[in-house]
Amino acid sequence: MDQAIARIHRMTQSKQTFIHTVIIKDTIEEGLMDNILKKKSELFRTVVDDDDDEDVGNEDEGVAMMN
């Protein structure tokens, strides 16, 4: 999906772009998206250690930043 987004939005793009991803229930794509989101969430938890005293936001914010 990141490759498709990169093809739509180039660094030299001057106009605003909107990307809509359609995921249909009970399809392979739904399962793939679930797996990707789980892996990104695990990665975020690994990178942002809860023992740190800094306020780094919540998990949803971190996943949104990686998208």
Protein backbone atom coordinates (compact mmCIF):
# COMPACT_ATOMS: atom_id res chain seq x y z
CA MET A 1 0.00 0.00 0.00
CA ASP A 2 2.86 2.39 0.74
CA GLN A 3 4.10 1.96 -2.82
CA ALA A 4 0.67 2.84 -4.22
CA ILE A 5 0.54 5.95 -2.04
CA ALA A 6 4.03 6.96 -3.17
CA ARG A 7 2.95 6.65 -6.80
CA ILE A 8 0.00 8.96 -6.23
CA HIS A 9 1.76 11.54 -4.06
CA ARG A 10 5.17 12.58 -5.36
CA MET A 11 7.53 14.93 -3.53
CA THR A 12 7.10 17.47 -6.32
CA GLN A 13 3.30 17.27 -6.08
CA SER A 14 1.92 20.77 -5.63
CA LYS A 15 -1.77 19.89 -5.37
CA GLN A 16 -3.34 18.22 -2.36
CA THR A 17 -4.01 14.52 -2.84
CA PHE A 18 -6.53 12.26 -1.15
CA ILE A 19 -6.04 8.53 -0.86
CA HIS A 20 -8.93 6.25 -0.01
CA THR A 21 -8.35 2.59 0.75
CA VAL A 22 -11.33 0.29 0.39
CA ILE A 23 -11.13 -2.86 2.49
CA ILE A 24 -13.99 -5.29 2.03
CA LYS A 25 -15.01 -7.47 4.96
CA ASP A 26 -14.10 -11.18 4.84
CA THR A 27 -11.51 -10.79 2.05
CA ILE A 28 -7.79 -11.43 1.82
CA GLU A 29 -7.20 -7.68 1.87
CA GLU A 30 -8.93 -7.38 5.24
CA GLY A 31 -6.68 -10.08 6.69
CA LEU A 32 -3.58 -8.48 5.21
CA MET A 33 -4.49 -5.06 6.61
CA ASP A 34 -5.13 -6.57 10.04
CA ASN A 35 -1.69 -8.23 9.96
CA ILE A 36 0.03 -5.04 8.80
CA LEU A 37 -1.64 -2.97 11.52
CA LYS A 38 -0.72 -5.54 14.19
CA LYS A 39 2.91 -5.55 13.06
CA LYS A 40 3.07 -1.75 12.99
CA SER A 41 1.54 -1.64 16.45
CA GLU A 42 4.08 -4.15 17.78
CA LEU A 43 6.90 -2.17 16.18
CA PHE A 44 5.63 1.03 17.76
CA ARG A 45 5.48 -0.62 21.19
CA THR A 46 9.02 -1.93 20.72
CA VAL A 47 10.41 1.44 19.67
CA VAL A 48 8.55 3.47 22.29
CA ASP A 49 9.41 1.85 25.58
CA ASP A 50 6.81 2.35 28.33
CA ASP A 51 9.61 2.69 30.91
CA ASP A 52 10.51 6.06 29.42
CA ASP A 53 9.29 9.02 31.48
CA GLU A 54 8.67 11.19 28.42
CA ASP A 55 5.13 11.79 27.23
CA VAL A 56 5.23 10.31 23.73
CA GLY A 57 1.51 10.04 22.99
CA ASN A 58 -0.60 6.96 22.74
CA GLU A 59 -0.40 3.89 20.51
CA ASP A 60 -3.04 5.13 18.05
CA GLU A 61 -1.05 8.31 17.45
CA GLY A 62 2.08 6.27 16.81
CA VAL A 63 0.36 3.98 14.32
CA ALA A 64 -1.14 7.00 12.56
CA MET A 65 2.33 8.54 12.26
CA MET A 66 3.65 5.38 10.59
CA ASN A 67 0.91 5.36 7.96
